[in-house]
């Protein structure tokens, strides 16, 4: 997740059924013809400074890793274990709190249909850029995972929402339509995000068996282009099942240091392993890791 360095990945176990709720319109807290709110303008200025500062320090790299970030099979397997078998946030009953918790393997069994939705405040030029970025990325993820992933104009099951600050604070009805039975505590968490959280993804596994059926990634519209693309890359990839960030993952976007701003070579290998048929949703780390280590040796050319 991209928090002030990072994002949020919430894995939601929403009960044994997944009904379709009645449609509701996108949140429109103010007419699109009006100027952005002072709060939105302030956020845009803040995030522009953040991106400029990151780039001046060599962060948000787009090279995918290089000679300065080597990794072997052991590091690859360790990074997979840290990202695939843990969650960034835990549910303490009264609400969601920071804190990594253990998890079983989660991934999609059925096709993933990416649908991009925009708040009324998002300008046409940004809409075109973000739609194109998601479409290119979806094609790449389909090649990497060998799983059916495509973008659609409607009827999606993985929604990417690009919303202004005001729209996000009123997003509850839309989330209820996209992820039926979402709990008030998750809606409250999203609607009250502070500026240190740039983006967030929620996933739903209604049968509690590790099989993901729906996801929503929320991207702040105020983010400048490179940070916004970084959020698109990380949140969609986390929504496919690599839900945790870890300092064991390098070179990787699944790391809160923001060193990399786009999917890396290591990330591609982890996604390939996640969707390898030798693994199954619901597996524990103990069950899966012998197979993961074998796959890591294969993918790094270290197999015996």
Protein backbone atom coordinates (compact mmCIF):
# COMPACT_ATOMS: atom_id res chain seq x y z
CA UNK A 1 0.00 0.00 0.00
CA UNK A 2 1.13 3.54 -0.64
CA UNK A 3 1.14 5.36 2.70
CA UNK A 4 3.02 8.59 3.36
CA UNK A 5 5.05 6.04 1.97
CA UNK A 6 2.42 3.40 1.26
CA UNK A 7 -1.12 2.07 0.45
CA UNK A 8 -3.61 -0.15 2.28
CA UNK A 9 -4.67 -3.70 1.48
CA UNK A 10 -7.75 -4.90 3.31
CA UNK A 11 -8.84 -8.51 2.88
CA UNK A 12 -12.53 -8.61 3.72
CA UNK A 13 -14.22 -11.86 4.67
CA UNK A 14 -17.81 -10.86 4.17
CA UNK A 15 -19.85 -13.98 4.91
CA UNK A 16 -21.08 -16.96 3.03
CA UNK A 17 -23.03 -15.17 0.32
CA UNK A 18 -22.24 -12.37 -2.06
CA UNK A 19 -25.53 -10.83 -3.24
CA UNK A 20 -25.87 -8.04 -5.77
CA UNK A 21 -27.10 -4.82 -4.22
CA UNK A 22 -29.23 -2.21 -5.97
CA UNK A 23 -27.25 0.22 -8.17
CA UNK A 24 -26.41 3.64 -6.80
CA UNK A 25 -24.83 6.59 -8.64
CA UNK A 26 -21.22 7.67 -8.23
CA UNK A 27 -20.81 10.12 -5.34
CA UNK A 28 -21.21 13.72 -6.56
CA UNK A 29 -20.69 16.07 -3.63
CA UNK A 30 -20.37 19.11 -5.91
CA UNK A 31 -21.13 19.84 -9.58
CA UNK A 32 -18.23 19.01 -11.89
CA UNK A 33 -18.36 22.53 -13.34
CA UNK A 34 -17.25 24.07 -10.02
CA UNK A 35 -13.60 24.62 -9.18
CA UNK A 36 -11.91 22.01 -7.00
CA UNK A 37 -12.48 22.47 -3.29
CA UNK A 38 -9.77 24.16 -1.19
CA UNK A 39 -9.11 20.79 0.48
CA UNK A 40 -8.60 19.08 -2.87
CA UNK A 41 -6.29 21.85 -4.09
CA UNK A 42 -4.26 21.61 -0.89
CA UNK A 43 -3.93 17.84 -1.32
CA UNK A 44 -2.83 18.24 -4.94
CA UNK A 45 -0.12 20.66 -3.86
CA UNK A 46 0.98 18.37 -1.04
CA UNK A 47 1.19 15.26 -3.23
CA UNK A 48 3.07 17.14 -5.94
CA UNK A 49 5.69 18.07 -3.34
CA UNK A 50 5.81 14.46 -2.15
CA UNK A 51 6.40 13.18 -5.68
CA UNK A 52 9.07 15.81 -6.36
CA UNK A 53 10.83 14.90 -3.12
CA UNK A 54 10.68 11.18 -3.88
CA UNK A 55 12.13 11.64 -7.34
CA UNK A 56 14.92 13.88 -6.02
CA UNK A 57 15.93 11.00 -3.71
CA UNK A 58 15.84 8.39 -6.46
CA UNK A 59 12.56 6.82 -5.32
CA UNK A 60 9.59 5.69 -7.46
CA UNK A 61 11.99 3.93 -9.81
CA UNK A 62 10.55 2.68 -13.08
CA UNK A 63 13.41 0.40 -14.16
CA UNK A 64 12.05 -2.77 -12.57
CA UNK A 65 15.28 -3.47 -10.72
CA UNK A 66 18.84 -3.80 -11.92
CA UNK A 67 22.41 -4.80 -10.96
CA UNK A 68 22.06 -2.88 -7.68
CA UNK A 69 19.09 -5.01 -6.60
CA UNK A 70 19.99 -8.65 -7.26
CA UNK A 71 17.90 -11.47 -5.84
CA UNK A 72 18.19 -15.23 -5.81
CA UNK A 73 15.71 -18.05 -5.29
CA UNK A 74 15.93 -17.83 -1.51
CA UNK A 75 15.15 -14.09 -1.48
CA UNK A 76 12.34 -14.55 -4.00
CA UNK A 77 10.69 -17.28 -1.93
CA UNK A 78 11.05 -15.23 1.26
CA UNK A 79 9.47 -12.19 -0.41
CA UNK A 80 6.58 -14.32 -1.65
CA UNK A 81 5.97 -15.75 1.80
CA UNK A 82 5.96 -12.26 3.35
CA UNK A 83 3.55 -10.78 0.81
CA UNK A 84 1.19 -13.70 0.12
CA UNK A 85 0.66 -15.09 3.64
CA UNK A 86 0.12 -11.89 5.62
CA UNK A 87 -2.24 -8.92 5.67
CA UNK A 88 -1.33 -5.30 6.41
CA UNK A 89 -4.28 -4.54 8.67
CA UNK A 90 -6.07 -6.49 11.35
CA UNK A 91 -9.67 -6.33 12.53
CA UNK A 92 -9.82 -5.75 16.27
CA UNK A 93 -13.63 -5.70 16.50
CA UNK A 94 -14.00 -1.98 17.10
CA UNK A 95 -12.15 -1.12 13.92
CA UNK A 96 -9.18 -1.73 11.63
CA UNK A 97 -5.68 -1.12 12.90
CA UNK A 98 -2.15 -1.29 11.53
CA UNK A 99 -0.53 -4.62 12.21
CA UNK A 100 0.52 -7.54 10.05
CA UNK A 101 -1.47 -10.70 10.60
CA UNK A 102 -0.98 -14.19 9.20
CA UNK A 103 -3.23 -15.34 6.36
CA UNK A 104 -3.80 -18.21 3.99
CA UNK A 105 -3.17 -17.95 0.25
CA UNK A 106 -5.71 -15.78 -1.58
CA UNK A 107 -6.18 -15.44 -5.34
CA UNK A 108 -8.87 -15.31 -8.02
CA UNK A 109 -10.23 -18.52 -9.51
CA UNK A 110 -12.50 -16.87 -12.06
CA UNK A 111 -11.70 -14.19 -14.65
CA UNK A 112 -10.75 -10.73 -13.41
CA UNK A 113 -12.65 -7.88 -15.09
CA UNK A 114 -11.06 -4.49 -14.39
CA UNK A 115 -13.46 -1.55 -14.58
CA UNK A 116 -12.31 2.04 -14.01
CA UNK A 117 -14.78 4.50 -12.48
CA UNK A 118 -14.22 8.22 -11.94
CA UNK A 119 -15.71 10.82 -9.67
CA UNK A 120 -17.43 13.76 -11.34
CA UNK A 121 -14.52 16.04 -10.48
CA UNK A 122 -11.91 14.11 -12.49
CA UNK A 123 -11.01 15.89 -15.73
CA UNK A 124 -11.27 14.22 -19.13
CA UNK A 125 -7.51 14.23 -19.76
CA UNK A 126 -6.79 12.43 -16.51
CA UNK A 127 -9.59 9.95 -17.19
CA UNK A 128 -8.08 9.06 -20.56
CA UNK A 129 -4.60 8.65 -19.05
CA UNK A 130 -5.77 6.46 -16.19
CA UNK A 131 -7.99 4.27 -18.37
CA UNK A 132 -5.08 3.67 -20.75
CA UNK A 133 -2.72 2.92 -17.84
CA UNK A 134 -5.11 0.35 -16.33
CA UNK A 135 -5.70 -1.29 -19.74
CA UNK A 136 -1.96 -1.63 -20.42
CA UNK A 137 -1.34 -2.93 -16.94
CA UNK A 138 -4.20 -5.43 -17.14
CA UNK A 139 -2.71 -6.85 -20.34
CA UNK A 140 0.67 -7.15 -18.66
CA UNK A 141 -0.77 -8.87 -15.60
CA UNK A 142 -2.63 -11.35 -17.81
CA UNK A 143 0.65 -12.28 -19.53
CA UNK A 144 2.54 -12.54 -16.25
CA UNK A 145 -0.03 -14.60 -14.33
CA UNK A 146 -1.44 -16.56 -17.30
CA UNK A 147 -4.80 -15.87 -15.70
CA UNK A 148 -7.72 -14.23 -17.57
CA UNK A 149 -7.51 -10.51 -16.74
CA UNK A 150 -9.04 -7.82 -18.96
CA UNK A 151 -10.51 -4.34 -18.76
CA UNK A 152 -14.22 -3.78 -19.35
CA UNK A 153 -16.44 -0.72 -19.75
CA UNK A 154 -19.06 -2.16 -17.38
CA UNK A 155 -19.79 -5.37 -15.51
CA UNK A 156 -16.45 -5.43 -13.71
CA UNK A 157 -15.65 -7.42 -10.60
CA UNK A 158 -12.44 -5.49 -9.83
CA UNK A 159 -13.27 -1.77 -9.75
CA UNK A 160 -10.63 0.95 -9.81
CA UNK A 161 -12.12 4.14 -8.36
CA UNK A 162 -10.41 7.48 -8.98
CA UNK A 163 -12.01 9.95 -6.59
CA UNK A 164 -11.34 13.38 -5.15
CA UNK A 165 -11.13 13.86 -1.40
CA UNK A 166 -14.77 14.96 -1.16
CA UNK A 167 -15.97 12.06 -3.29
CA UNK A 168 -14.02 9.57 -1.19
CA UNK A 169 -15.61 10.92 1.99
CA UNK A 170 -19.02 10.10 0.52
CA UNK A 171 -18.17 6.77 -1.13
CA UNK A 172 -20.04 4.48 1.26
CA UNK A 173 -23.15 3.87 -0.89
CA UNK A 174 -20.99 3.01 -3.91
CA UNK A 175 -18.83 0.60 -1.89
CA UNK A 176 -21.98 -1.10 -0.65
CA UNK A 177 -23.04 -1.71 -4.23
CA UNK A 178 -19.62 -2.95 -5.37
CA UNK A 179 -18.90 -5.14 -2.34
CA UNK A 180 -22.23 -6.20 -0.83
CA UNK A 181 -22.18 -6.81 2.92
CA UNK A 182 -19.15 -4.60 3.40
CA UNK A 183 -19.09 -3.69 7.08
CA UNK A 184 -19.48 -0.14 8.40
CA UNK A 185 -15.99 -0.27 9.92
CA UNK A 186 -14.41 -0.75 6.46
CA UNK A 187 -16.47 2.08 4.98
CA UNK A 188 -15.58 4.30 7.91
CA UNK A 189 -11.90 3.49 7.51
CA UNK A 190 -11.93 4.51 3.85
CA UNK A 191 -14.03 7.62 4.28
CA UNK A 192 -11.71 8.86 7.05
CA UNK A 193 -8.37 8.13 5.40
CA UNK A 194 -5.77 10.73 6.26
CA UNK A 195 -3.56 12.25 3.60
CA UNK A 196 -0.77 9.85 4.48
CA UNK A 197 -2.72 7.05 2.76
CA UNK A 198 -2.53 7.60 -0.98
CA UNK A 199 -4.57 4.60 -2.12
CA UNK A 200 -6.22 1.45 -0.85
CA UNK A 201 -7.53 -1.89 -2.09
CA UNK A 202 -10.27 -4.04 -0.62
CA UNK A 203 -10.80 -7.66 -1.59
CA UNK A 204 -13.70 -9.99 -0.92
CA UNK A 205 -13.51 -13.75 -0.40
CA UNK A 206 -17.12 -14.43 0.64
CA UNK A 207 -16.72 -18.18 1.13
CA UNK A 208 -13.68 -17.66 3.38
CA UNK A 209 -11.77 -20.22 1.33
CA UNK A 210 -9.11 -17.97 -0.18
CA UNK A 211 -10.99 -17.49 -3.46
CA UNK A 212 -11.30 -13.80 -4.29
CA UNK A 213 -14.45 -12.75 -6.14
CA UNK A 214 -14.49 -8.95 -5.92
CA UNK A 215 -12.10 -6.10 -5.30
CA UNK A 216 -12.14 -2.32 -5.17
CA UNK A 217 -9.02 -0.17 -5.48
CA UNK A 218 -9.42 3.47 -4.53
CA UNK A 219 -6.95 5.99 -5.95
CA UNK A 220 -6.84 9.62 -4.88
CA UNK A 221 -7.55 11.86 -7.89
CA UNK A 222 -5.26 14.55 -6.43
CA UNK A 223 -2.14 12.42 -6.90
CA UNK A 224 0.29 13.59 -9.61
CA UNK A 225 0.92 11.22 -12.55
CA UNK A 226 3.83 9.13 -11.23
CA UNK A 227 2.37 8.59 -7.76
CA UNK A 228 -1.02 7.80 -9.29
CA UNK A 229 0.52 5.22 -11.63
CA UNK A 230 2.44 3.76 -8.70
CA UNK A 231 -0.85 3.33 -6.83
CA UNK A 232 -2.47 1.70 -9.87
CA UNK A 233 0.37 -0.80 -10.12
CA UNK A 234 0.51 -1.72 -6.46
CA UNK A 235 -3.19 -1.79 -5.60
CA UNK A 236 -4.25 -3.92 -8.56
CA UNK A 237 -1.39 -6.35 -7.95
CA UNK A 238 -2.25 -6.54 -4.25
CA UNK A 239 -5.88 -7.08 -5.17
CA UNK A 240 -4.80 -10.18 -7.09
CA UNK A 241 -3.58 -11.74 -3.86
CA UNK A 242 -0.17 -10.39 -2.82
CA UNK A 243 -1.77 -8.35 -0.06
CA UNK A 244 1.11 -7.43 2.24
CA UNK A 245 4.03 -5.03 2.09
CA UNK A 246 7.36 -6.18 3.48
CA UNK A 247 10.93 -4.93 3.68
CA UNK A 248 11.90 -8.47 2.64
CA UNK A 249 10.58 -7.68 -0.84
CA UNK A 250 13.26 -5.90 -2.89
CA UNK A 251 13.24 -4.97 -5.71
CA UNK A 252 9.46 -4.68 -5.36
CA UNK A 253 6.48 -2.36 -5.20
CA UNK A 254 5.32 -4.42 -2.20
CA UNK A 255 7.55 -2.42 0.11
CA UNK A 256 6.64 0.73 2.02
CA UNK A 257 9.93 2.46 1.18
CA UNK A 258 8.55 3.63 -2.22
CA UNK A 259 11.85 2.77 -3.91
CA UNK A 260 9.96 1.33 -6.89
CA UNK A 261 6.94 2.93 -8.52
CA UNK A 262 6.06 0.21 -11.01
CA UNK A 263 5.87 -3.57 -11.05
CA UNK A 264 9.37 -5.06 -10.97
CA UNK A 265 10.92 -8.26 -12.29
CA UNK A 266 10.68 -9.81 -8.83
CA UNK A 267 7.02 -8.83 -8.60
CA UNK A 268 6.29 -10.52 -11.92
CA UNK A 269 7.84 -13.74 -10.66
CA UNK A 270 5.83 -13.60 -7.44
CA UNK A 271 2.60 -13.13 -9.38
CA UNK A 272 3.55 -16.02 -11.66
CA UNK A 273 4.04 -18.22 -8.60
CA UNK A 274 0.78 -17.04 -7.03
CA UNK A 275 -1.20 -18.24 -10.05
CA UNK A 276 0.79 -21.43 -10.64
CA UNK A 277 -1.53 -24.42 -10.47
CA UNK A 278 0.77 -26.09 -7.97
CA UNK A 279 -0.69 -23.70 -5.40
CA UNK A 280 -4.31 -23.53 -4.34
CA UNK A 281 -6.39 -20.86 -2.58
CA UNK A 282 -6.64 -21.47 1.15
CA UNK A 283 -3.20 -23.06 1.48
CA UNK A 284 -1.22 -22.21 4.60
CA UNK A 285 2.37 -21.08 4.43
CA UNK A 286 3.58 -24.45 5.74
CA UNK A 287 1.64 -26.27 3.01
CA UNK A 288 2.71 -24.02 0.16
CA UNK A 289 6.30 -23.00 0.82
CA UNK A 290 8.01 -26.25 -0.30
CA UNK A 291 6.33 -25.77 -3.68
CA UNK A 292 7.08 -22.03 -3.67
CA UNK A 293 10.78 -22.70 -3.10
CA UNK A 294 10.83 -25.12 -6.03
CA UNK A 295 9.13 -22.56 -8.27
CA UNK A 296 11.54 -19.85 -7.13
CA UNK A 297 14.50 -22.02 -8.10
CA UNK A 298 12.91 -22.62 -11.52
CA UNK A 299 12.20 -18.94 -12.15
CA UNK A 300 15.71 -17.85 -11.17
CA UNK A 301 17.44 -20.61 -13.09
CA UNK A 302 18.72 -22.24 -9.90
CA UNK A 303 16.77 -25.49 -10.18
CA UNK A 304 18.83 -28.67 -9.85
